N, C-alpha and C. Protein backbone atom coordinates (compact mmCIF):
# COMPACT_ATOMS: atom_id res chain seq x y z
N MET A 1 12.95 23.54 -34.29
CA MET A 1 13.45 22.66 -33.23
C MET A 1 12.66 21.24 -33.59
N SER A 2 13.03 20.41 -33.70
CA SER A 2 12.25 18.73 -34.28
C SER A 2 11.26 18.71 -33.08
N PRO A 3 10.10 17.98 -33.28
CA PRO A 3 9.35 17.33 -32.10
C PRO A 3 10.18 16.50 -31.09
N LEU A 4 11.21 15.80 -31.35
CA LEU A 4 11.47 14.82 -30.78
C LEU A 4 12.63 15.61 -29.68
N LEU A 5 13.22 16.73 -30.09
CA LEU A 5 13.73 17.52 -29.25
C LEU A 5 13.58 18.15 -28.13
N VAL A 6 12.02 18.88 -28.76
CA VAL A 6 11.17 19.71 -28.02
C VAL A 6 10.98 18.64 -27.00
N ARG A 7 10.14 17.37 -27.04
CA ARG A 7 10.08 16.58 -26.08
C ARG A 7 10.83 15.89 -25.39
N ALA A 8 12.05 15.98 -25.69
CA ALA A 8 13.29 15.52 -24.73
C ALA A 8 13.59 16.43 -24.25
N ARG A 9 13.65 17.70 -24.39
CA ARG A 9 13.66 18.74 -23.33
C ARG A 9 12.81 18.78 -22.52
N GLU A 10 11.38 18.54 -22.61
CA GLU A 10 10.30 18.80 -21.78
C GLU A 10 10.31 17.58 -20.89
N THR A 11 10.76 16.34 -20.93
CA THR A 11 11.05 15.40 -20.74
C THR A 11 11.93 15.69 -18.89
N LEU A 12 13.30 16.33 -19.74
CA LEU A 12 14.27 16.95 -18.79
C LEU A 12 13.95 17.61 -17.92
N LYS A 13 13.30 18.61 -18.29
CA LYS A 13 12.35 19.37 -17.33
C LYS A 13 11.49 19.12 -16.28
N ILE A 14 10.97 18.45 -16.84
CA ILE A 14 9.76 17.73 -15.36
C ILE A 14 10.99 16.73 -14.47
N GLU A 15 11.75 16.18 -15.28
CA GLU A 15 12.60 15.27 -14.25
C GLU A 15 13.34 16.28 -13.32
N ILE A 16 13.82 17.26 -13.90
CA ILE A 16 14.54 18.01 -12.94
C ILE A 16 13.90 18.62 -11.61
N ALA A 17 12.62 19.23 -12.14
CA ALA A 17 11.58 19.71 -10.96
C ALA A 17 11.36 18.50 -9.96
N GLY A 18 11.03 17.27 -10.59
CA GLY A 18 11.17 16.32 -9.72
C GLY A 18 12.09 16.07 -8.68
N LEU A 19 13.25 16.18 -9.16
CA LEU A 19 14.49 16.45 -8.51
C LEU A 19 14.63 17.46 -7.72
N GLU A 20 14.37 18.72 -7.60
CA GLU A 20 14.35 19.98 -6.83
C GLU A 20 13.51 19.55 -5.72
N GLY A 21 12.13 18.99 -5.96
CA GLY A 21 10.96 18.66 -5.00
C GLY A 21 11.47 17.86 -3.98
N LEU A 22 12.69 16.79 -4.80
CA LEU A 22 12.58 15.75 -3.57
C LEU A 22 13.66 16.55 -2.70
N ILE A 23 14.76 17.34 -3.00
CA ILE A 23 15.46 18.13 -1.99
C ILE A 23 14.70 18.51 -0.95
N GLU A 24 14.33 19.08 -0.92
CA GLU A 24 13.08 19.71 0.18
C GLU A 24 12.24 18.41 0.97
N ARG A 25 12.34 17.48 0.35
CA ARG A 25 11.57 16.25 1.20
C ARG A 25 12.63 15.57 2.07
N LEU A 26 13.51 15.81 1.72
CA LEU A 26 14.83 14.95 2.07
C LEU A 26 14.96 15.29 3.81
N GLY A 27 14.51 14.19 4.55
CA GLY A 27 14.54 14.87 6.14
C GLY A 27 15.29 13.72 7.00
N PRO A 28 15.23 13.47 8.26
CA PRO A 28 15.99 12.66 8.90
C PRO A 28 15.71 11.40 8.55
N GLU A 29 14.65 10.80 8.51
CA GLU A 29 14.03 9.77 7.66
C GLU A 29 15.22 9.30 6.70
N PHE A 30 15.40 9.79 5.91
CA PHE A 30 16.64 9.47 5.15
C PHE A 30 18.04 9.02 5.82
N GLU A 31 18.56 9.88 6.60
CA GLU A 31 19.51 10.02 7.18
C GLU A 31 19.42 8.64 7.88
N GLU A 32 18.21 8.23 8.29
CA GLU A 32 18.16 7.23 9.31
C GLU A 32 18.38 5.65 8.62
N ALA A 33 17.76 5.87 7.40
CA ALA A 33 17.88 4.85 6.82
C ALA A 33 19.04 4.53 6.34
N VAL A 34 19.64 5.51 5.63
CA VAL A 34 21.17 5.28 5.27
C VAL A 34 22.27 4.61 6.56
N ASN A 35 21.85 5.29 7.43
CA ASN A 35 22.79 4.71 8.66
C ASN A 35 22.42 3.61 9.20
N LEU A 36 21.04 3.17 8.76
CA LEU A 36 20.72 1.54 9.17
C LEU A 36 21.17 0.67 8.08
N LEU A 37 21.15 1.06 6.61
CA LEU A 37 22.14 -0.08 5.76
C LEU A 37 23.61 -0.13 5.48
N TYR A 38 24.11 1.20 6.15
CA TYR A 38 25.74 1.16 6.55
C TYR A 38 26.18 0.42 7.67
N ALA A 39 25.32 0.32 8.55
CA ALA A 39 25.51 -0.02 9.92
C ALA A 39 25.33 -1.90 9.88
N CYS A 40 24.41 -2.26 8.80
CA CYS A 40 23.72 -3.62 8.63
C CYS A 40 25.29 -4.53 8.63
N GLN A 41 25.71 -5.31 9.51
CA GLN A 41 26.39 -6.45 9.39
C GLN A 41 26.51 -7.48 8.70
N GLY A 42 25.13 -7.79 8.48
CA GLY A 42 24.71 -8.87 7.22
C GLY A 42 24.34 -8.87 6.18
N LYS A 43 23.42 -9.84 5.59
CA LYS A 43 23.27 -9.22 4.16
C LYS A 43 22.03 -8.12 4.34
N ILE A 44 21.95 -7.64 3.21
CA ILE A 44 20.51 -6.62 3.19
C ILE A 44 19.77 -7.23 2.28
N ILE A 45 18.47 -7.42 2.42
CA ILE A 45 17.67 -8.42 1.58
C ILE A 45 16.78 -7.57 0.94
N LEU A 46 16.55 -7.47 -0.15
CA LEU A 46 15.66 -6.61 -0.48
C LEU A 46 14.38 -7.28 -1.33
N ALA A 47 13.20 -7.27 -1.30
CA ALA A 47 11.76 -7.72 -1.64
C ALA A 47 10.75 -7.23 -2.68
N GLY A 48 10.55 -7.82 -3.04
CA GLY A 48 9.27 -7.23 -4.28
C GLY A 48 8.81 -8.32 -5.23
N MET A 49 7.89 -7.84 -6.38
CA MET A 49 7.27 -8.44 -6.94
C MET A 49 6.90 -7.63 -8.32
N GLY A 50 6.78 -8.33 -9.59
CA GLY A 50 6.68 -7.12 -10.70
C GLY A 50 7.48 -6.16 -10.67
N LYS A 51 7.01 -4.67 -10.95
CA LYS A 51 8.20 -3.88 -11.08
C LYS A 51 8.85 -3.48 -9.81
N SER A 52 8.18 -3.57 -8.64
CA SER A 52 9.06 -3.39 -7.46
C SER A 52 10.18 -4.47 -7.31
N GLY A 53 9.86 -5.74 -7.87
CA GLY A 53 10.70 -6.95 -8.07
C GLY A 53 11.75 -6.60 -8.84
N LEU A 54 11.79 -5.91 -9.89
CA LEU A 54 12.77 -5.63 -10.84
C LEU A 54 13.99 -4.30 -10.18
N ILE A 55 13.06 -3.51 -9.50
CA ILE A 55 13.74 -2.34 -8.82
C ILE A 55 14.48 -3.12 -7.92
N ALA A 56 14.04 -4.07 -7.15
CA ALA A 56 14.98 -4.41 -5.89
C ALA A 56 16.06 -5.10 -6.53
N GLN A 57 15.58 -6.12 -7.41
CA GLN A 57 16.95 -6.54 -8.21
C GLN A 57 17.89 -5.88 -8.40
N LYS A 58 17.60 -4.73 -9.13
CA LYS A 58 18.98 -3.90 -9.89
C LYS A 58 19.60 -3.10 -8.46
N ILE A 59 18.92 -2.98 -7.36
CA ILE A 59 19.48 -2.32 -5.91
C ILE A 59 20.60 -3.53 -5.62
N ALA A 60 19.92 -4.44 -5.38
CA ALA A 60 20.75 -5.71 -4.61
C ALA A 60 21.65 -5.80 -5.58
N ALA A 61 21.75 -5.84 -6.94
CA ALA A 61 22.73 -6.17 -7.79
C ALA A 61 23.77 -4.88 -7.57
N THR A 62 23.41 -3.44 -7.29
CA THR A 62 23.99 -2.49 -7.32
C THR A 62 25.13 -2.54 -5.80
N LEU A 63 24.16 -2.89 -5.13
CA LEU A 63 25.11 -3.03 -3.80
C LEU A 63 26.17 -4.39 -3.64
N THR A 64 25.75 -5.20 -4.31
CA THR A 64 26.64 -6.64 -4.10
C THR A 64 28.25 -5.94 -5.07
N SER A 65 27.90 -5.31 -6.31
CA SER A 65 28.96 -4.80 -7.20
C SER A 65 29.85 -3.66 -6.37
N THR A 66 29.01 -3.05 -5.17
CA THR A 66 29.97 -2.12 -4.53
C THR A 66 30.38 -2.42 -3.11
N GLY A 67 30.40 -3.62 -3.07
CA GLY A 67 31.17 -4.65 -1.91
C GLY A 67 30.03 -4.76 -0.55
N THR A 68 28.80 -4.43 -0.75
CA THR A 68 27.68 -4.38 0.26
C THR A 68 27.01 -5.83 -0.06
N PRO A 69 27.18 -6.80 0.92
CA PRO A 69 26.49 -7.95 0.86
C PRO A 69 24.70 -7.94 0.49
N ALA A 70 24.55 -8.27 -0.32
CA ALA A 70 22.88 -8.20 -0.69
C ALA A 70 21.98 -8.95 -1.97
N LEU A 71 20.98 -9.26 -1.42
CA LEU A 71 20.24 -10.12 -2.69
C LEU A 71 18.67 -10.00 -2.24
N PHE A 72 18.27 -10.36 -3.61
CA PHE A 72 16.88 -10.24 -3.68
C PHE A 72 15.98 -11.61 -3.26
N LEU A 73 14.89 -11.08 -2.62
CA LEU A 73 13.86 -12.24 -2.47
C LEU A 73 12.51 -12.28 -3.18
N HIS A 74 11.87 -12.77 -4.19
CA HIS A 74 10.84 -12.63 -4.47
C HIS A 74 9.82 -12.59 -3.68
N ALA A 75 8.74 -12.11 -3.35
CA ALA A 75 7.63 -12.11 -2.31
C ALA A 75 6.81 -13.26 -2.67
N GLY A 76 6.71 -13.61 -3.91
CA GLY A 76 5.53 -14.29 -4.28
C GLY A 76 6.25 -16.10 -4.02
N GLU A 77 7.58 -15.89 -4.26
CA GLU A 77 8.03 -17.01 -4.27
C GLU A 77 8.75 -17.63 -2.62
N SER A 78 8.53 -16.62 -1.63
CA SER A 78 9.49 -16.65 -0.53
C SER A 78 8.82 -17.58 0.30
N THR A 79 7.17 -17.70 0.23
CA THR A 79 6.65 -18.82 0.92
C THR A 79 6.71 -20.15 0.31
N HIS A 80 7.35 -20.58 -0.81
CA HIS A 80 7.71 -21.48 -1.19
C HIS A 80 9.13 -22.24 -0.52
N GLY A 81 9.85 -21.83 0.19
CA GLY A 81 10.90 -21.97 0.34
C GLY A 81 12.20 -21.13 0.67
N ASP A 82 12.25 -20.12 -0.22
CA ASP A 82 12.93 -19.20 -0.56
C ASP A 82 13.20 -18.27 1.06
N LEU A 83 12.30 -18.46 1.73
CA LEU A 83 12.58 -17.93 3.49
C LEU A 83 14.12 -18.36 4.09
N GLY A 84 14.46 -19.08 3.27
CA GLY A 84 15.45 -19.88 4.01
C GLY A 84 16.69 -19.15 4.09
N ILE A 85 17.08 -18.13 3.15
CA ILE A 85 18.03 -17.65 2.96
C ILE A 85 18.27 -16.23 4.16
N ILE A 86 16.82 -16.24 4.75
CA ILE A 86 17.02 -15.25 6.22
C ILE A 86 17.53 -16.12 7.28
N THR A 87 18.44 -15.23 7.81
CA THR A 87 18.95 -15.91 8.84
C THR A 87 19.52 -14.69 9.85
N LYS A 88 19.59 -15.29 11.48
CA LYS A 88 19.98 -14.14 12.12
C LYS A 88 21.59 -13.82 12.27
């Protein structure tokens, strides 16, 4: 087997182990978070900067594409007027 396939299989095994570990860690907090998002009647605002900002942008785009109003707020730019998107 080629080194590339060996490495790919090792990587997948690591990812699988991580997901299996996550199964046991899911608790009532997860359910509470999902219920809060589901019950939200306004926009879901995700914030971040750097890598967390990129992830927040992707999550906001995914939520929007599935019919859940969501947007991304850059944490560093929020103090320069972007907080205006937050309303009651």
